[in-house]
Protein backbone atom coordinates (compact mmCIF):
# COMPACT_ATOMS: atom_id res chain seq x y z
CA MET A 1 -19.35 -31.67 12.37
CA VAL A 2 -18.77 -30.32 15.95
CA ALA A 3 -17.89 -26.71 14.57
CA GLU A 4 -21.13 -26.97 12.55
CA GLN A 5 -23.36 -27.96 15.58
CA GLN A 6 -21.78 -25.15 17.58
CA MET A 7 -22.41 -22.72 14.80
CA ALA A 8 -25.81 -23.76 14.46
CA LYS A 9 -26.52 -23.82 18.26
CA LEU A 10 -25.13 -20.03 18.48
CA LEU A 11 -27.17 -18.75 15.49
CA GLY A 12 -30.29 -20.65 16.75
CA SER A 13 -30.28 -19.17 20.19
CA SER A 14 -29.75 -15.44 18.58
CA ALA A 15 -32.54 -16.21 16.38
CA ARG A 16 -34.70 -17.59 19.43
CA ARG A 17 -34.36 -14.32 21.05
CA LEU A 18 -34.75 -11.95 18.12
CA VAL A 19 -38.12 -13.65 16.21
CA GLY A 20 -39.09 -16.88 18.90
CA GLY A 21 -37.02 -19.49 16.85
CA SER A 22 -38.77 -18.45 13.08
CA LEU A 23 -35.29 -17.25 11.94
CA ARG A 24 -33.38 -20.31 12.97
CA GLN A 25 -34.04 -22.23 10.03
CA ASP A 26 -33.20 -19.84 7.26
CA VAL A 27 -29.83 -18.80 9.19
CA VAL A 28 -29.21 -22.57 9.47
CA GLY A 29 -30.06 -23.26 6.14
CA ILE A 30 -27.56 -20.38 4.55
CA TRP A 31 -24.93 -21.80 6.49
CA LYS A 32 -25.40 -25.31 5.39
CA GLY A 33 -25.83 -23.93 1.60
CA ALA A 34 -22.39 -22.26 1.88
CA ARG A 35 -20.47 -25.04 3.21
CA ARG A 36 -21.96 -27.32 0.41
CA GLY A 37 -20.74 -24.92 -2.15
CA LEU A 38 -17.59 -24.70 -0.83
CA SER A 39 -17.40 -28.33 -0.85
CA SER A 40 -18.45 -29.00 -4.35
CA SER A 41 -15.93 -26.40 -5.48
CA VAL A 42 -13.23 -28.24 -3.86
CA ALA A 43 -14.34 -31.57 -5.30
CA ALA A 44 -14.58 -30.12 -8.87
CA LEU A 45 -11.01 -28.71 -8.18
CA ASP A 46 -9.91 -32.24 -7.31
CA ALA A 47 -11.62 -33.96 -10.01
CA SER A 48 -10.08 -31.51 -12.58
CA GLY A 49 -6.49 -32.53 -11.42
CA ALA A 50 -5.34 -28.72 -11.93
CA GLU A 51 -3.77 -27.15 -8.89
CA GLU A 52 -4.00 -23.43 -8.87
CA LYS A 53 -0.88 -21.81 -8.02
CA ILE A 54 -0.43 -18.61 -5.84
CA VAL A 55 1.85 -15.72 -6.08
CA ALA A 56 2.59 -12.98 -3.53
CA ALA A 57 3.69 -9.71 -4.73
CA VAL A 58 5.09 -6.75 -2.62
CA VAL A 59 4.25 -3.12 -2.90
CA LEU A 60 6.98 -1.61 -1.00
CA GLU A 61 6.12 2.23 -0.38
CA ARG A 62 8.14 5.25 0.43
CA LEU A 63 5.88 7.68 2.17
CA PRO A 64 6.37 11.50 1.19
CA VAL A 65 9.33 12.98 2.75
CA VAL A 66 7.83 16.76 2.74
CA LEU A 67 4.24 17.84 2.71
CA PRO A 68 3.04 18.21 -0.98
CA PRO A 69 2.11 21.56 -2.36
CA VAL A 70 -0.98 23.49 -1.06
CA PRO A 71 -4.00 23.38 -3.64
CA PRO A 72 -5.34 26.38 -4.71
CA ALA A 73 -8.77 26.03 -3.29
CA VAL A 74 -6.87 25.35 -0.15
CA SER A 75 -4.77 28.32 -0.05
CA GLU A 76 -7.42 30.66 -1.20
CA PHE A 77 -9.46 29.48 1.99
CA LYS A 78 -6.60 29.94 4.31
CA SER A 79 -6.19 33.56 3.11
CA PHE A 80 -10.02 34.35 3.43
CA SER A 81 -9.89 32.98 6.83
CA PHE A 82 -7.18 34.93 7.69
CA GLU A 83 -8.55 38.05 6.88
CA TRP A 84 -11.69 37.50 8.16
CA GLN A 85 -9.92 36.81 11.72
CA GLN A 86 -7.92 40.11 11.25
CA GLN A 87 -11.28 41.85 11.19
CA TYR A 88 -12.15 40.44 14.52
CA ARG A 89 -8.76 40.42 16.34
CA ARG A 90 -8.30 41.54 19.87
CA HIS A 91 -6.12 44.91 19.62
CA TYR A 92 -3.50 45.18 22.13
CA PRO A 93 -1.66 48.62 23.22
CA GLN A 94 0.87 50.21 20.54
CA GLU A 95 3.90 49.89 23.48
CA PHE A 96 3.03 46.32 24.20
CA LEU A 97 3.56 45.79 20.38
CA ASP A 98 6.48 47.78 20.01
CA ALA A 99 8.31 45.69 23.04
CA SER A 100 10.26 43.64 20.62
CA ALA A 101 11.99 46.82 19.48
CA ASN A 102 13.63 47.16 22.97
CA ARG A 103 15.52 43.68 22.41
CA GLY A 104 19.43 43.96 22.36
CA GLU A 105 21.48 42.75 19.48
CA ASP A 106 22.22 39.41 20.95
CA ASP A 107 18.32 38.76 20.94
CA GLU A 108 17.95 38.90 17.07
CA ILE A 109 16.83 35.65 15.61
CA GLY A 110 18.09 34.18 12.29
CA VAL A 111 16.32 33.76 9.09
CA TYR A 112 15.21 30.25 8.24
CA GLU A 113 16.00 29.05 5.12
CA PRO A 114 14.08 26.02 4.04
CA ALA A 115 16.46 23.08 2.24
CA PRO A 116 15.21 22.99 -1.63
CA THR A 117 12.81 20.15 -2.52
CA ILE A 118 13.98 19.77 -6.14
CA THR A 119 17.22 17.50 -5.78
CA GLU A 120 19.79 16.49 -8.33
CA ALA A 121 17.42 12.99 -8.89
CA ASP A 122 14.69 15.13 -9.73
CA GLN A 123 16.65 17.33 -12.51
CA THR A 124 18.41 14.19 -14.07
CA ASN A 125 15.31 12.06 -13.69
CA ASP A 126 16.90 9.30 -11.76
CA GLN A 127 14.39 6.66 -10.90
CA ARG A 128 16.73 4.47 -9.38
CA SER A 129 17.26 6.96 -6.69
CA LEU A 130 15.12 7.81 -3.51
CA LYS A 131 16.12 11.10 -3.41
CA ARG A 132 13.38 12.10 -5.53
CA ALA A 133 9.74 13.17 -5.76
CA TYR A 134 9.91 14.00 -2.11
CA GLU A 135 6.28 14.97 -2.14
CA LYS A 136 4.95 11.70 -3.74
CA ARG A 137 4.66 8.37 -2.48
CA LEU A 138 6.99 5.91 -4.51
CA TYR A 139 6.88 2.38 -4.98
CA LEU A 140 9.43 -0.61 -5.93
CA ILE A 141 9.34 -2.18 -9.47
CA VAL A 142 11.60 -4.47 -10.73
CA ARG A 143 12.29 -5.86 -14.10
CA GLY A 144 12.12 -9.35 -14.98
CA LYS A 145 9.96 -12.34 -16.04
CA PRO A 146 7.08 -12.95 -13.27
CA PHE A 147 5.67 -16.07 -12.72
CA GLY A 148 3.37 -17.29 -15.33
CA LYS A 149 5.46 -15.67 -17.83
CA SER A 150 8.03 -17.70 -19.10
CA GLN A 151 7.99 -16.40 -22.75
CA GLY A 152 8.68 -12.93 -24.17
CA GLU A 153 10.53 -10.00 -23.32
CA PRO A 154 11.12 -9.19 -19.69
CA VAL A 155 8.38 -6.91 -18.23
CA TRP A 156 8.26 -4.31 -15.08
CA HIS A 157 6.38 -5.75 -12.04
CA PHE A 158 6.23 -5.78 -8.16
CA PRO A 159 8.48 -8.30 -6.36
CA GLU A 160 6.86 -11.46 -6.05
CA LYS A 161 7.28 -14.98 -4.92
CA GLU A 162 5.19 -18.23 -5.82
CA TYR A 163 3.94 -19.66 -2.55
CA ALA A 164 5.64 -22.78 -1.65
CA LYS A 165 3.92 -23.94 1.54
CA GLU A 166 5.12 -21.34 3.85
CA PRO A 167 3.22 -21.04 7.02
CA SER A 168 1.40 -17.90 5.76
CA LEU A 169 0.97 -16.08 2.50
CA ARG A 170 2.21 -12.87 4.22
CA GLN A 171 5.25 -14.62 5.18
CA CYS A 172 5.71 -15.80 1.50
CA ALA A 173 5.38 -12.06 0.59
CA GLU A 174 8.48 -11.13 3.06
CA LEU A 175 10.61 -13.76 1.15
CA ALA A 176 9.98 -12.34 -2.03
CA LEU A 177 12.19 -9.17 -0.71
CA GLY A 178 14.64 -11.41 0.90
CA PRO A 179 17.09 -11.53 -1.95
CA ILE A 180 17.02 -7.90 -2.78
CA VAL A 181 16.60 -6.08 0.97
CA GLU A 182 19.22 -7.24 3.49
CA ASP A 183 17.54 -6.55 6.86
CA ILE A 184 13.91 -6.63 6.27
CA PRO A 185 12.66 -6.19 9.92
CA LYS A 186 14.80 -2.90 10.34
CA SER A 187 13.70 -1.59 7.07
CA VAL A 188 10.43 -2.62 5.85
CA TYR A 189 7.05 -2.78 7.85
CA PHE A 190 4.10 -4.87 6.44
CA VAL A 191 0.81 -3.48 6.63
CA GLY A 192 -1.07 -5.98 8.14
CA ASN A 193 -1.55 -9.78 7.13
CA ALA A 194 -4.35 -9.44 4.46
CA PRO A 195 -3.32 -8.86 1.13
CA CYS A 196 -4.36 -5.22 -0.42
CA GLY A 197 -5.41 -6.48 -3.98
CA PHE A 198 -5.61 -9.23 -6.49
CA LEU A 199 -4.82 -9.93 -10.03
CA PRO A 200 -5.58 -12.73 -12.04
CA SER A 201 -2.26 -13.55 -14.27
CA GLU A 202 -2.29 -14.03 -17.79
CA THR A 203 -1.78 -17.88 -17.37
CA PRO A 204 -5.21 -19.15 -15.42
CA ALA A 205 -3.26 -21.21 -13.38
CA PHE A 206 -1.65 -18.46 -11.32
CA LYS A 207 -3.52 -16.14 -9.00
CA LYS A 208 -1.53 -12.82 -7.67
CA PHE A 209 -1.93 -11.51 -4.09
CA PHE A 210 -0.48 -7.81 -3.36
CA PHE A 211 0.75 -7.11 0.01
CA LYS A 212 1.46 -3.71 1.39
CA SER A 213 4.70 -2.61 3.08
CA GLN A 214 6.16 0.82 3.98
CA LEU A 215 10.00 1.78 3.86
CA LEU A 216 11.42 2.61 7.17
CA VAL A 217 14.66 4.06 6.38
CA ASN A 218 15.43 6.89 4.16
CA ASP A 219 18.01 4.87 1.74
CA LEU A 220 17.49 1.22 0.83
CA PRO A 221 20.65 -0.41 -0.76
CA LEU A 222 19.59 -3.08 -2.89
CA ALA A 223 21.44 -6.28 -2.42
CA ASP A 224 21.25 -9.01 -4.82
CA LEU A 225 19.62 -8.03 -8.20
CA LYS A 226 20.74 -11.16 -10.36
CA LYS A 227 17.25 -12.24 -10.63
CA TYR A 228 16.09 -8.98 -12.16
CA GLU A 229 17.70 -6.70 -15.04
CA ASP A 230 16.90 -3.53 -13.37
CA PHE A 231 14.80 -1.84 -10.71
CA ALA A 232 12.83 1.58 -10.46
CA TRP A 233 11.15 4.14 -7.74
CA ILE A 234 8.03 5.41 -9.21
CA SER A 235 5.17 7.21 -8.24
CA LYS A 236 1.32 6.09 -8.79
CA HIS A 237 1.20 8.55 -11.84
CA GLU A 238 3.96 6.79 -13.33
CA LEU A 239 2.21 3.54 -13.85
CA SER A 240 1.34 3.73 -17.33
CA ASP A 241 4.84 4.12 -18.27
CA TYR A 242 5.94 0.62 -17.04
CA PHE A 243 2.72 -1.31 -17.00
CA GLU A 244 -0.16 -2.27 -19.90
CA PRO A 245 -2.89 -0.22 -19.60
CA ALA A 246 -5.53 -2.74 -18.05
CA GLU A 247 -3.08 -3.64 -15.41
CA ALA A 248 -2.24 0.25 -14.93
CA GLU A 249 -5.37 1.08 -14.06
CA TYR A 250 -6.21 -1.37 -11.61
CA LEU A 251 -2.77 -0.66 -9.87
CA ASN A 252 -4.01 2.86 -9.96
CA LYS A 253 -6.91 2.10 -7.97
CA MET A 254 -5.31 -0.20 -5.78
CA LEU A 255 -2.81 2.09 -4.31
CA GLN A 256 -5.42 5.15 -3.46
């Protein structure tokens, strides 16, 4: 009641400054209407006796290791820009440009040879390895029975945990990685406290919230996989190979 009076007082003072008090009743009415709607929803839930269960899932992301290939349009623009600048570049004396020819043999610069971006894991399509698809973002998925699905064959999903009165839903998501990641603070960084997506489960009593996190190390040995049958590091373009079409479509939009 005190919070409501403070909010009404704050909104009322702002409204009086704007339109001389004519807006105050409308704003306070909206506030009270929203409060009544929330109270009625809670009362309906208590009357039905049904308690919705919440699941926190972790989207563990490995960022690209190398720069992705330059799109053809960008490459053509850079080529055009270079040729355009060459037309109006400053001309220097020839003896200044030939100064590099007077260097001694000890001044020669070695030729830089970049390491190959196609690894053995790419050639063998080893999706358990992080040493693949260096130019893409990879996401950790596991194979097992997610919450809300006790029957049927195991399916691929993100690591998850049912909310069990943890201090916050994000801490619940951190505990979802606890059994498989040994040192979470040094290996994983959680991006913010709010979920990045929401997906209803097949069972109406379950609601699943996704929390985004990023890998901080080059390699992540997974500790205890007894709960899951298998795991994989996949890119966003490989979601359709592991998830149902509707779920893959939603995850594809969520991971943009």
